[in-house]
């Protein structure tokens, strides 16, 4: 058996009687750790931006920090999307649940706003 890749995760059994609210992904510990580190860093950046606002920092400097946070969040989203497409979406399509494609399109459109 091979070690799971960082982006590998598995969906809950699609045959189980569960609503969309109960579906879960099962991310590898490595991916969870990576995402947690990234989100902690983003959280710190957000606190830093708040401090910049409180200190009346020059607007352009604040805007550059906001752009950095947006980029970091997009990176987290891309990692999750990649894993989702490589596991959950494929599994659900193979199970005949083609509505997952529409669900994915809605999610991608939200990410691209």
Protein backbone atom coordinates (compact mmCIF):
# COMPACT_ATOMS: atom_id res chain seq x y z
CA UNK A 1 0.00 0.00 0.00
CA UNK A 2 1.38 3.43 -0.91
CA UNK A 3 1.51 6.49 1.32
CA UNK A 4 -1.30 8.99 0.61
CA UNK A 5 -0.30 12.06 -1.35
CA UNK A 6 -0.66 15.41 0.34
CA UNK A 7 -3.80 16.25 -1.63
CA UNK A 8 -5.37 12.82 -1.22
CA UNK A 9 -8.62 12.49 0.62
CA UNK A 10 -11.67 10.31 0.37
CA UNK A 11 -15.36 11.01 0.58
CA UNK A 12 -17.79 9.32 2.88
CA UNK A 13 -19.56 6.31 1.45
CA UNK A 14 -21.89 7.76 -1.21
CA UNK A 15 -24.28 4.83 -0.76
CA UNK A 16 -24.95 5.86 2.83
CA UNK A 17 -28.23 7.63 3.45
CA UNK A 18 -26.88 11.09 4.19
CA UNK A 19 -27.79 14.59 3.14
CA UNK A 20 -25.34 17.07 1.66
CA UNK A 21 -24.92 18.56 5.14
CA UNK A 22 -23.67 15.21 6.46
CA UNK A 23 -21.17 14.43 3.68
CA UNK A 24 -17.59 14.50 4.86
CA UNK A 25 -14.16 14.35 3.32
CA UNK A 26 -11.40 12.37 4.91
CA UNK A 27 -8.19 14.29 4.29
CA UNK A 28 -4.79 12.84 4.97
CA UNK A 29 -3.11 14.05 8.15
CA UNK A 30 -0.42 15.65 5.99
CA UNK A 31 -2.97 17.68 4.02
CA UNK A 32 -4.84 18.72 7.18
CA UNK A 33 -1.58 19.86 8.74
CA UNK A 34 -0.62 21.80 5.60
CA UNK A 35 -4.03 23.49 5.37
CA UNK A 36 -4.01 24.28 9.09
CA UNK A 37 -0.57 25.91 8.85
CA UNK A 38 -1.68 27.97 5.86
CA UNK A 39 -4.90 29.06 7.57
CA UNK A 40 -3.03 29.98 10.77
CA UNK A 41 -0.68 32.13 8.68
CA UNK A 42 -3.67 33.77 6.96
CA UNK A 43 -5.29 34.39 10.33
CA UNK A 44 -2.12 36.15 11.46
CA UNK A 45 -2.07 38.21 8.27
CA UNK A 46 -5.67 39.29 8.92
CA UNK A 47 -4.78 40.37 12.45
CA UNK A 48 -1.83 42.27 10.97
CA UNK A 49 -4.10 44.07 8.52
CA UNK A 50 -6.44 45.04 11.35
CA UNK A 51 -3.44 46.44 13.22
CA UNK A 52 -2.40 48.37 10.13
CA UNK A 53 -5.85 49.93 9.92
CA UNK A 54 -5.77 50.79 13.65
CA UNK A 55 -2.37 52.49 13.13
CA UNK A 56 -3.55 54.44 10.07
CA UNK A 57 -1.03 52.70 7.81
CA UNK A 58 -0.80 54.05 4.26
CA UNK A 59 -3.69 52.61 2.22
CA UNK A 60 -1.51 51.16 -0.53
CA UNK A 61 0.44 49.11 2.02
CA UNK A 62 -2.81 47.76 3.52
CA UNK A 63 -4.17 46.93 0.08
CA UNK A 64 -0.99 45.00 -0.75
CA UNK A 65 -1.43 42.94 2.41
CA UNK A 66 -5.07 42.29 1.50
CA UNK A 67 -3.93 41.06 -1.92
CA UNK A 68 -1.46 38.72 -0.22
CA UNK A 69 -4.23 37.27 1.98
CA UNK A 70 -6.51 36.80 -1.02
CA UNK A 71 -3.73 34.98 -2.85
CA UNK A 72 -3.09 32.74 0.16
CA UNK A 73 -6.80 31.91 0.47
CA UNK A 74 -6.96 31.13 -3.25
CA UNK A 75 -4.05 28.75 -2.77
CA UNK A 76 -5.89 26.92 0.03
CA UNK A 77 -8.98 26.75 -2.18
CA UNK A 78 -6.99 25.32 -5.10
CA UNK A 79 -5.54 22.56 -2.89
CA UNK A 80 -9.00 21.61 -1.63
CA UNK A 81 -10.53 21.80 -5.11
CA UNK A 82 -7.82 19.56 -6.57
CA UNK A 83 -8.35 16.93 -3.91
CA UNK A 84 -12.12 17.18 -4.23
CA UNK A 85 -12.02 16.68 -7.98
CA UNK A 86 -9.55 13.79 -7.80
CA UNK A 87 -11.52 11.91 -5.20
CA UNK A 88 -15.05 12.96 -4.27
CA UNK A 89 -16.15 14.06 -7.73
CA UNK A 90 -14.71 11.00 -9.46
CA UNK A 91 -16.19 8.66 -6.83
CA UNK A 92 -19.63 10.21 -7.15
CA UNK A 93 -19.59 10.15 -10.97
CA UNK A 94 -18.54 6.49 -10.87
CA UNK A 95 -21.46 5.87 -8.51
CA UNK A 96 -23.81 7.43 -11.08
CA UNK A 97 -24.29 10.69 -9.17
CA UNK A 98 -23.77 13.00 -12.13
CA UNK A 99 -25.40 15.91 -10.26
CA UNK A 100 -21.97 16.37 -8.66
CA UNK A 101 -20.87 18.13 -11.86
CA UNK A 102 -23.48 20.86 -11.38
CA UNK A 103 -22.53 21.12 -7.69
CA UNK A 104 -18.88 21.51 -8.70
CA UNK A 105 -19.70 24.21 -11.27
CA UNK A 106 -21.59 26.21 -8.64
CA UNK A 107 -18.64 25.91 -6.26
CA UNK A 108 -16.08 26.92 -8.91
CA UNK A 109 -18.20 29.94 -9.83
CA UNK A 110 -18.23 31.01 -6.17
CA UNK A 111 -14.46 30.60 -5.97
CA UNK A 112 -13.97 32.73 -9.08
CA UNK A 113 -15.98 35.73 -7.81
